[in-house]
């Protein structure tokens, strides 16, 4: 059985990590860090946007900033052209 994550990678999804800084509800001068990671489509990041919309709608800690990094795990094969052929007997 093929995993859901592998199928998503074949569809173009890559691993996205977001470092979210948010303010504590009781102490607004204090910032807390939350790290979120999921498979998402760059550059629009619809999965991350859905998560951030959920955060703003359901959680009390207001967002301060979000830093995003993204990597395609399945990439086109890398190859190098050869200039000649060496035959060894």
PDB file of N, CA and C in Angstrom:
ATOM      1  N   UNK A   1       0.839  -1.182   0.000  1.00  0.00           N
ATOM      2  CA  UNK A   1       0.000   0.000   0.000  1.00  0.00           C
ATOM      3  C   UNK A   1       0.882   1.244   0.000  1.00  0.00           C
ATOM      4  N   UNK A   2       0.610   2.158  -0.889  1.00  0.00           N
ATOM      5  CA  UNK A   2       1.386   3.401  -1.011  1.00  0.00           C
ATOM      6  C   UNK A   2       0.850   4.417  -0.001  1.00  0.00           C
ATOM      7  N   UNK A   3       1.759   5.105   0.678  1.00  0.00           N
ATOM      8  CA  UNK A   3       1.339   6.077   1.693  1.00  0.00           C
ATOM      9  C   UNK A   3       0.739   7.324   1.040  1.00  0.00           C
ATOM     10  N   UNK A   4      -0.134   7.970   1.778  1.00  0.00           N
ATOM     11  CA  UNK A   4      -0.788   9.200   1.313  1.00  0.00           C
ATOM     12  C   UNK A   4       0.239  10.296   1.065  1.00  0.00           C
ATOM     13  N   UNK A   5       1.259  10.374   1.931  1.00  0.00           N
ATOM     14  CA  UNK A   5       2.291  11.403   1.797  1.00  0.00           C
ATOM     15  C   UNK A   5       3.083  11.225   0.504  1.00  0.00           C
ATOM     16  N   UNK A   6       3.401   9.976   0.156  1.00  0.00           N
ATOM     17  CA  UNK A   6       4.143   9.726  -1.083  1.00  0.00           C
ATOM     18  C   UNK A   6       3.310  10.115  -2.297  1.00  0.00           C
ATOM     19  N   UNK A   7       2.035   9.787  -2.287  1.00  0.00           N
ATOM     20  CA  UNK A   7       1.160  10.177  -3.400  1.00  0.00           C
ATOM     21  C   UNK A   7       1.081  11.691  -3.535  1.00  0.00           C
ATOM     22  N   UNK A   8       1.046  12.392  -2.426  1.00  0.00           N
ATOM     23  CA  UNK A   8       1.009  13.860  -2.476  1.00  0.00           C
ATOM     24  C   UNK A   8       2.302  14.419  -3.068  1.00  0.00           C
ATOM     25  N   UNK A   9       3.429  13.790  -2.744  1.00  0.00           N
ATOM     26  CA  UNK A   9       4.709  14.243  -3.295  1.00  0.00           C
ATOM     27  C   UNK A   9       4.713  14.058  -4.810  1.00  0.00           C
ATOM     28  N   UNK A  10       4.137  12.977  -5.298  1.00  0.00           N
ATOM     29  CA  UNK A  10       4.051  12.758  -6.746  1.00  0.00           C
ATOM     30  C   UNK A  10       3.154  13.797  -7.412  1.00  0.00           C
ATOM     31  N   UNK A  11       2.207  14.340  -6.662  1.00  0.00           N
ATOM     32  CA  UNK A  11       1.312  15.375  -7.183  1.00  0.00           C
ATOM     33  C   UNK A  11       1.943  16.761  -7.138  1.00  0.00           C
ATOM     34  N   UNK A  12       3.173  16.876  -6.614  1.00  0.00           N
ATOM     35  CA  UNK A  12       3.858  18.161  -6.593  1.00  0.00           C
ATOM     36  C   UNK A  12       3.963  18.798  -5.220  1.00  0.00           C
ATOM     37  N   UNK A  13       3.402  18.156  -4.212  1.00  0.00           N
ATOM     38  CA  UNK A  13       3.495  18.700  -2.866  1.00  0.00           C
ATOM     39  C   UNK A  13       4.914  18.539  -2.346  1.00  0.00           C
ATOM     40  N   UNK A  14       5.343  19.464  -1.513  1.00  0.00           N
ATOM     41  CA  UNK A  14       6.647  19.392  -0.875  1.00  0.00           C
ATOM     42  C   UNK A  14       6.489  19.598   0.621  1.00  0.00           C
ATOM     43  N   UNK A  15       7.529  19.276   1.352  1.00  0.00           N
ATOM     44  CA  UNK A  15       7.483  19.425   2.802  1.00  0.00           C
ATOM     45  C   UNK A  15       7.628  20.898   3.165  1.00  0.00           C
ATOM     46  N   UNK A  16       6.644  21.410   3.880  1.00  0.00           N
ATOM     47  CA  UNK A  16       6.624  22.811   4.283  1.00  0.00           C
ATOM     48  C   UNK A  16       6.721  22.892   5.797  1.00  0.00           C
ATOM     49  N   UNK A  17       7.613  23.745   6.266  1.00  0.00           N
ATOM     50  CA  UNK A  17       7.771  23.975   7.698  1.00  0.00           C
ATOM     51  C   UNK A  17       7.534  25.456   7.965  1.00  0.00           C
ATOM     52  N   UNK A  18       6.717  25.736   8.964  1.00  0.00           N
ATOM     53  CA  UNK A  18       6.432  27.128   9.333  1.00  0.00           C
ATOM     54  C   UNK A  18       6.785  27.327  10.800  1.00  0.00           C
ATOM     55  N   UNK A  19       7.582  28.349  11.066  1.00  0.00           N
ATOM     56  CA  UNK A  19       7.869  28.758  12.436  1.00  0.00           C
ATOM     57  C   UNK A  19       6.916  29.906  12.745  1.00  0.00           C
ATOM     58  N   UNK A  20       6.009  29.665  13.665  1.00  0.00           N
ATOM     59  CA  UNK A  20       4.966  30.633  13.989  1.00  0.00           C
ATOM     60  C   UNK A  20       5.286  31.267  15.336  1.00  0.00           C
ATOM     61  N   UNK A  21       5.385  32.587  15.337  1.00  0.00           N
ATOM     62  CA  UNK A  21       5.533  33.328  16.590  1.00  0.00           C
ATOM     63  C   UNK A  21       4.173  33.938  16.916  1.00  0.00           C
ATOM     64  N   UNK A  22       3.734  33.722  18.147  1.00  0.00           N
ATOM     65  CA  UNK A  22       2.443  34.268  18.568  1.00  0.00           C
ATOM     66  C   UNK A  22       2.556  34.837  19.979  1.00  0.00           C
ATOM     67  N   UNK A  23       1.632  35.720  20.295  1.00  0.00           N
ATOM     68  CA  UNK A  23       1.628  36.359  21.613  1.00  0.00           C
ATOM     69  C   UNK A  23       0.780  35.537  22.577  1.00  0.00           C
ATOM     70  N   UNK A  24       1.244  35.432  23.807  1.00  0.00           N
ATOM     71  CA  UNK A  24       0.468  34.732  24.828  1.00  0.00           C
ATOM     72  C   UNK A  24      -0.740  35.588  25.204  1.00  0.00           C
ATOM     73  N   UNK A  25      -1.921  34.992  25.309  1.00  0.00           N
ATOM     74  CA  UNK A  25      -3.131  35.779  25.603  1.00  0.00           C
ATOM     75  C   UNK A  25      -3.044  36.538  26.934  1.00  0.00           C
ATOM     76  N   UNK A  26      -2.483  35.908  27.964  1.00  0.00           N
ATOM     77  CA  UNK A  26      -2.422  36.560  29.285  1.00  0.00           C
ATOM     78  C   UNK A  26      -1.245  37.519  29.424  1.00  0.00           C
ATOM     79  N   UNK A  27      -0.221  37.345  28.575  1.00  0.00           N
ATOM     80  CA  UNK A  27       0.979  38.184  28.627  1.00  0.00           C
ATOM     81  C   UNK A  27       1.334  38.613  27.195  1.00  0.00           C
ATOM     82  N   UNK A  28       0.687  39.628  26.669  1.00  0.00           N
ATOM     83  CA  UNK A  28       0.870  40.000  25.257  1.00  0.00           C
ATOM     84  C   UNK A  28       2.280  40.454  24.885  1.00  0.00           C
ATOM     85  N   UNK A  29       3.113  40.758  25.870  1.00  0.00           N
ATOM     86  CA  UNK A  29       4.486  41.155  25.556  1.00  0.00           C
ATOM     87  C   UNK A  29       5.417  39.959  25.381  1.00  0.00           C
ATOM     88  N   UNK A  30       4.916  38.756  25.650  1.00  0.00           N
ATOM     89  CA  UNK A  30       5.726  37.537  25.558  1.00  0.00           C
ATOM     90  C   UNK A  30       5.375  36.798  24.267  1.00  0.00           C
ATOM     91  N   UNK A  31       6.420  36.420  23.511  1.00  0.00           N
ATOM     92  CA  UNK A  31       6.217  35.655  22.284  1.00  0.00           C
ATOM     93  C   UNK A  31       6.520  34.187  22.532  1.00  0.00           C
ATOM     94  N   UNK A  32       5.720  33.329  21.950  1.00  0.00           N
ATOM     95  CA  UNK A  32       5.903  31.879  22.030  1.00  0.00           C
ATOM     96  C   UNK A  32       6.096  31.356  20.609  1.00  0.00           C
ATOM     97  N   UNK A  33       6.844  30.260  20.470  1.00  0.00           N
ATOM     98  CA  UNK A  33       7.107  29.669  19.154  1.00  0.00           C
ATOM     99  C   UNK A  33       6.326  28.376  18.993  1.00  0.00           C
ATOM    100  N   UNK A  34       5.773  28.180  17.800  1.00  0.00           N
ATOM    101  CA  UNK A  34       5.112  26.934  17.431  1.00  0.00           C
ATOM    102  C   UNK A  34       5.659  26.526  16.065  1.00  0.00           C
ATOM    103  N   UNK A  35       6.049  25.266  15.903  1.00  0.00           N
ATOM    104  CA  UNK A  35       6.560  24.790  14.615  1.00  0.00           C
ATOM    105  C   UNK A  35       5.511  23.874  13.996  1.00  0.00           C
ATOM    106  N   UNK A  36       5.098  24.196  12.778  1.00  0.00           N
ATOM    107  CA  UNK A  36       4.088  23.447  12.033  1.00  0.00           C
ATOM    108  C   UNK A  36       4.757  22.834  10.822  1.00  0.00           C
ATOM    109  N   UNK A  37       4.404  21.579  10.492  1.00  0.00           N
ATOM    110  CA  UNK A  37       5.001  20.918   9.334  1.00  0.00           C
ATOM    111  C   UNK A  37       3.949  20.042   8.662  1.00  0.00           C
ATOM    112  N   UNK A  38       3.854  20.164   7.336  1.00  0.00           N
ATOM    113  CA  UNK A  38       2.914  19.354   6.556  1.00  0.00           C
ATOM    114  C   UNK A  38       3.329  19.438   5.092  1.00  0.00           C
ATOM    115  N   UNK A  39       2.688  18.646   4.250  1.00  0.00           N
ATOM    116  CA  UNK A  39       2.937  18.710   2.814  1.00  0.00           C
ATOM    117  C   UNK A  39       2.031  19.777   2.219  1.00  0.00           C
ATOM    118  N   UNK A  40       2.624  20.636   1.377  1.00  0.00           N
ATOM    119  CA  UNK A  40       1.875  21.768   0.837  1.00  0.00           C
ATOM    120  C   UNK A  40       2.407  22.118  -0.549  1.00  0.00           C
ATOM    121  N   UNK A  41       1.647  22.911  -1.281  1.00  0.00           N
ATOM    122  CA  UNK A  41       2.012  23.338  -2.633  1.00  0.00           C
ATOM    123  C   UNK A  41       2.569  24.750  -2.605  1.00  0.00           C
ATOM    124  N   UNK A  42       3.833  24.896  -3.012  1.00  0.00           N
ATOM    125  CA  UNK A  42       4.425  26.235  -3.114  1.00  0.00           C
ATOM    126  C   UNK A  42       4.033  26.821  -4.467  1.00  0.00           C
ATOM    127  N   UNK A  43       3.895  28.091  -4.626  1.00  0.00           N
ATOM    128  CA  UNK A  43       4.151  29.188  -3.701  1.00  0.00           C
ATOM    129  C   UNK A  43       2.908  29.679  -2.967  1.00  0.00           C
ATOM    130  N   UNK A  44       1.732  29.094  -3.239  1.00  0.00           N
ATOM    131  CA  UNK A  44       0.504  29.624  -2.616  1.00  0.00           C
ATOM    132  C   UNK A  44       0.231  29.055  -1.228  1.00  0.00           C
ATOM    133  N   UNK A  45       0.732  27.868  -0.913  1.00  0.00           N
ATOM    134  CA  UNK A  45       0.606  27.233   0.392  1.00  0.00           C
ATOM    135  C   UNK A  45      -0.837  27.187   0.908  1.00  0.00           C
ATOM    136  N   UNK A  46      -1.740  26.507   0.190  1.00  0.00           N
ATOM    137  CA  UNK A  46      -3.142  26.469   0.634  1.00  0.00           C
ATOM    138  C   UNK A  46      -3.343  25.744   1.964  1.00  0.00           C
ATOM    139  N   UNK A  47      -2.580  24.700   2.242  1.00  0.00           N
ATOM    140  CA  UNK A  47      -2.729  23.964   3.503  1.00  0.00           C
ATOM    141  C   UNK A  47      -2.305  24.845   4.678  1.00  0.00           C
ATOM    142  N   UNK A  48      -1.205  25.560   4.519  1.00  0.00           N
ATOM    143  CA  UNK A  48      -0.742  26.468   5.573  1.00  0.00           C
ATOM    144  C   UNK A  48      -1.748  27.593   5.796  1.00  0.00           C
ATOM    145  N   UNK A  49      -2.289  28.149   4.725  1.00  0.00           N
ATOM    146  CA  UNK A  49      -3.277  29.223   4.874  1.00  0.00           C
ATOM    147  C   UNK A  49      -4.524  28.723   5.613  1.00  0.00           C
ATOM    148  N   UNK A  50      -4.943  27.478   5.320  1.00  0.00           N
ATOM    149  CA  UNK A  50      -6.086  26.910   6.044  1.00  0.00           C
ATOM    150  C   UNK A  50      -5.770  26.777   7.530  1.00  0.00           C
ATOM    151  N   UNK A  51      -4.544  26.323   7.844  1.00  0.00           N
ATOM    152  CA  UNK A  51      -4.160  26.182   9.251  1.00  0.00           C
ATOM    153  C   UNK A  51      -4.130  27.546   9.945  1.00  0.00           C
ATOM    154  N   UNK A  52      -3.570  28.551   9.285  1.00  0.00           N
ATOM    155  CA  UNK A  52      -3.501  29.879   9.900  1.00  0.00           C
ATOM    156  C   UNK A  52      -4.893  30.488  10.073  1.00  0.00           C
ATOM    157  N   UNK A  53      -5.797  30.210   9.138  1.00  0.00           N
ATOM    158  CA  UNK A  53      -7.180  30.683   9.288  1.00  0.00           C
ATOM    159  C   UNK A  53      -7.835  30.005  10.487  1.00  0.00           C
ATOM    160  N   UNK A  54      -7.582  28.696  10.653  1.00  0.00           N
ATOM    161  CA  UNK A  54      -8.086  27.989  11.832  1.00  0.00           C
ATOM    162  C   UNK A  54      -7.518  28.615  13.105  1.00  0.00           C
ATOM    163  N   UNK A  55      -6.226  28.910  13.104  1.00  0.00           N
ATOM    164  CA  UNK A  55      -5.565  29.498  14.279  1.00  0.00           C
ATOM    165  C   UNK A  55      -6.256  30.806  14.674  1.00  0.00           C
ATOM    166  N   UNK A  56      -6.421  31.691  13.705  1.00  0.00           N
ATOM    167  CA  UNK A  56      -7.018  33.002  13.998  1.00  0.00           C
ATOM    168  C   UNK A  56      -8.477  32.888  14.421  1.00  0.00           C
ATOM    169  N   UNK A  57      -9.172  31.886  13.899  1.00  0.00           N
ATOM    170  CA  UNK A  57     -10.593  31.715  14.202  1.00  0.00           C
ATOM    171  C   UNK A  57     -10.805  31.041  15.569  1.00  0.00           C
ATOM    172  N   UNK A  58      -9.958  30.056  15.917  1.00  0.00           N
ATOM    173  CA  UNK A  58     -10.232  29.215  17.083  1.00  0.00           C
ATOM    174  C   UNK A  58      -9.323  29.441  18.296  1.00  0.00           C
ATOM    175  N   UNK A  59      -8.114  29.948  18.104  1.00  0.00           N
ATOM    176  CA  UNK A  59      -7.164  30.053  19.207  1.00  0.00           C
ATOM    177  C   UNK A  59      -7.051  31.492  19.701  1.00  0.00           C
ATOM    178  N   UNK A  60      -6.662  31.633  20.966  1.00  0.00           N
ATOM    179  CA  UNK A  60      -6.616  32.950  21.599  1.00  0.00           C
ATOM    180  C   UNK A  60      -5.326  33.717  21.340  1.00  0.00           C
ATOM    181  N   UNK A  61      -4.211  33.027  21.100  1.00  0.00           N
ATOM    182  CA  UNK A  61      -2.925  33.698  20.929  1.00  0.00           C
ATOM    183  C   UNK A  61      -2.816  34.365  19.569  1.00  0.00           C
ATOM    184  N   UNK A  62      -2.802  35.712  19.509  1.00  0.00           N
ATOM    185  CA  UNK A  62      -2.698  36.386  18.212  1.00  0.00           C
ATOM    186  C   UNK A  62      -1.336  36.147  17.559  1.00  0.00           C
ATOM    187  N   UNK A  63      -1.352  35.983  16.247  1.00  0.00           N
ATOM    188  CA  UNK A  63      -0.127  35.733  15.484  1.00  0.00           C
ATOM    189  C   UNK A  63       0.745  36.982  15.447  1.00  0.00           C
ATOM    190  N   UNK A  64       2.035  36.769  15.575  1.00  0.00           N
ATOM    191  CA  UNK A  64       3.002  37.853  15.439  1.00  0.00           C
ATOM    192  C   UNK A  64       3.675  37.780  14.076  1.00  0.00           C
ATOM    193  N   UNK A  65       4.226  36.597  13.733  1.00  0.00           N
ATOM    194  CA  UNK A  65       4.886  36.420  12.440  1.00  0.00           C
ATOM    195  C   UNK A  65       4.957  34.940  12.098  1.00  0.00           C
ATOM    196  N   UNK A  66       5.145  34.673  10.807  1.00  0.00           N
ATOM    197  CA  UNK A  66       5.265  33.301  10.306  1.00  0.00           C
ATOM    198  C   UNK A  66       6.434  33.261   9.340  1.00  0.00           C
ATOM    199  N   UNK A  67       7.366  32.345   9.586  1.00  0.00           N
ATOM    200  CA  UNK A  67       8.517  32.128   8.697  1.00  0.00           C
ATOM    201  C   UNK A  67       8.333  30.757   8.051  1.00  0.00           C
ATOM    202  N   UNK A  68       8.411  30.716   6.713  1.00  0.00           N
ATOM    203  CA  UNK A  68       8.107  29.489   5.972  1.00  0.00           C
ATOM    204  C   UNK A  68       9.328  29.009   5.207  1.00  0.00           C
ATOM    205  N   UNK A  69       9.554  27.695   5.251  1.00  0.00           N
ATOM    206  CA  UNK A  69      10.555  27.069   4.382  1.00  0.00           C
ATOM    207  C   UNK A  69       9.885  25.885   3.698  1.00  0.00           C
ATOM    208  N   UNK A  70      10.343  25.586   2.487  1.00  0.00           N
ATOM    209  CA  UNK A  70       9.679  24.563   1.671  1.00  0.00           C
ATOM    210  C   UNK A  70      10.739  23.804   0.880  1.00  0.00           C
ATOM    211  N   UNK A  71      10.539  22.494   0.741  1.00  0.00           N
ATOM    212  CA  UNK A  71      11.462  21.676  -0.044  1.00  0.00           C
ATOM    213  C   UNK A  71      10.686  20.596  -0.774  1.00  0.00           C
ATOM    214  N   UNK A  72      10.907  20.512  -2.071  1.00  0.00           N
ATOM    215  CA  UNK A  72      10.341  19.415  -2.854  1.00  0.00           C
ATOM    216  C   UNK A  72      11.205  18.195  -2.590  1.00  0.00           C
ATOM    217  N   UNK A  73      10.617  17.133  -2.094  1.00  0.00           N
ATOM    218  CA  UNK A  73      11.395  15.956  -1.746  1.00  0.00           C
ATOM    219  C   UNK A  73      11.645  15.067  -2.959  1.00  0.00           C
ATOM    220  N   UNK A  74      10.705  15.048  -3.883  1.00  0.00           N
ATOM    221  CA  UNK A  74      10.903  14.298  -5.116  1.00  0.00           C
ATOM    222  C   UNK A  74      11.228  15.310  -6.200  1.00  0.00           C
ATOM    223  N   UNK A  75      12.435  15.211  -6.741  1.00  0.00           N
ATOM    224  CA  UNK A  75      12.914  16.182  -7.729  1.00  0.00           C
ATOM    225  C   UNK A  75      13.257  15.462  -9.022  1.00  0.00           C
ATOM    226  N   UNK A  76      13.326  16.191 -10.108  1.00  0.00           N
ATOM    227  CA  UNK A  76      13.755  15.558 -11.353  1.00  0.00           C
ATOM    228  C   UNK A  76      15.146  14.953 -11.188  1.00  0.00           C
ATOM    229  N   UNK A  77      15.356  13.856 -11.864  1.00  0.00           N
ATOM    230  CA  UNK A  77      16.660  13.184 -11.759  1.00  0.00           C
ATOM    231  C   UNK A  77      17.763  14.094 -12.284  1.00  0.00           C
ATOM    232  N   UNK A  78      18.886  14.069 -11.590  1.00  0.00           N
ATOM    233  CA  UNK A  78      20.023  14.856 -12.037  1.00  0.00           C
ATOM    234  C   UNK A  78      20.921  13.954 -12.872  1.00  0.00           C
ATOM    235  N   UNK A  79      21.368  14.460 -14.006  1.00  0.00           N
ATOM    236  CA  UNK A  79      22.272  13.674 -14.833  1.00  0.00           C
ATOM    237  C   UNK A  79      23.313  14.595 -15.435  1.00  0.00           C
ATOM    238  N   UNK A  80      24.392  14.004 -15.900  1.00  0.00           N
ATOM    239  CA  UNK A  80      25.491  14.750 -16.475  1.00  0.00           C
ATOM    240  C   UNK A  80      25.805  14.157 -17.832  1.00  0.00           C
ATOM    241  N   UNK A  81      25.976  14.993 -18.829  1.00  0.00           N
ATOM    242  CA  UNK A  81      26.347  14.507 -20.148  1.00  0.00           C
ATOM    243  C   UNK A  81      27.831  14.122 -20.142  1.00  0.00           C
ATOM    244  N   UNK A  82      28.160  13.039 -20.848  1.00  0.00           N
ATOM    245  CA  UNK A  82      29.542  12.572 -20.898  1.00  0.00           C
ATOM    246  C   UNK A  82      30.166  12.992 -22.230  1.00  0.00           C
ATOM    247  N   UNK A  83      31.444  13.323 -22.162  1.00  0.00           N
ATOM    248  CA  UNK A  83      32.153  13.758 -23.359  1.00  0.00           C
ATOM    249  C   UNK A  83      32.664  12.607 -24.206  1.00  0.00           C
ATOM    250  N   UNK A  84      32.936  11.478 -23.613  1.00  0.00           N
ATOM    251  CA  UNK A  84      33.517  10.365 -24.363  1.00  0.00           C
ATOM    252  C   UNK A  84      33.211   9.058 -23.674  1.00  0.00           C
ATOM    253  N   UNK A  85      33.631   7.989 -24.307  1.00  0.00           N
ATOM    254  CA  UNK A  85      33.429   6.654 -23.765  1.00  0.00           C
ATOM    255  C   UNK A  85      34.782   5.995 -23.600  1.00  0.00           C
ATOM    256  N   UNK A  86      35.005   5.397 -22.475  1.00  0.00           N
ATOM    257  CA  UNK A  86      36.245   4.691 -22.188  1.00  0.00           C
ATOM    258  C   UNK A  86      35.937   3.210 -22.106  1.00  0.00           C
ATOM    259  N   UNK A  87      36.551   2.430 -22.951  1.00  0.00           N
ATOM    260  CA  UNK A  87      36.302   0.992 -22.963  1.00  0.00           C
ATOM    261  C   UNK A  87      37.505   0.289 -22.342  1.00  0.00           C
ATOM    262  N   UNK A  88      37.246  -0.563 -21.358  1.00  0.00           N
ATOM    263  CA  UNK A  88      38.301  -1.322 -20.708  1.00  0.00           C
ATOM    264  C   UNK A  88      38.100  -2.801 -21.051  1.00  0.00           C
ATOM    265  N   UNK A  89      39.184  -3.450 -21.530  1.00  0.00           N
ATOM    266  CA  UNK A  89      39.085  -4.866 -21.890  1.00  0.00           C
ATOM    267  C   UNK A  89      39.378  -5.738 -20.718  1.00  0.00           C
TER     268      UNK A  89
END
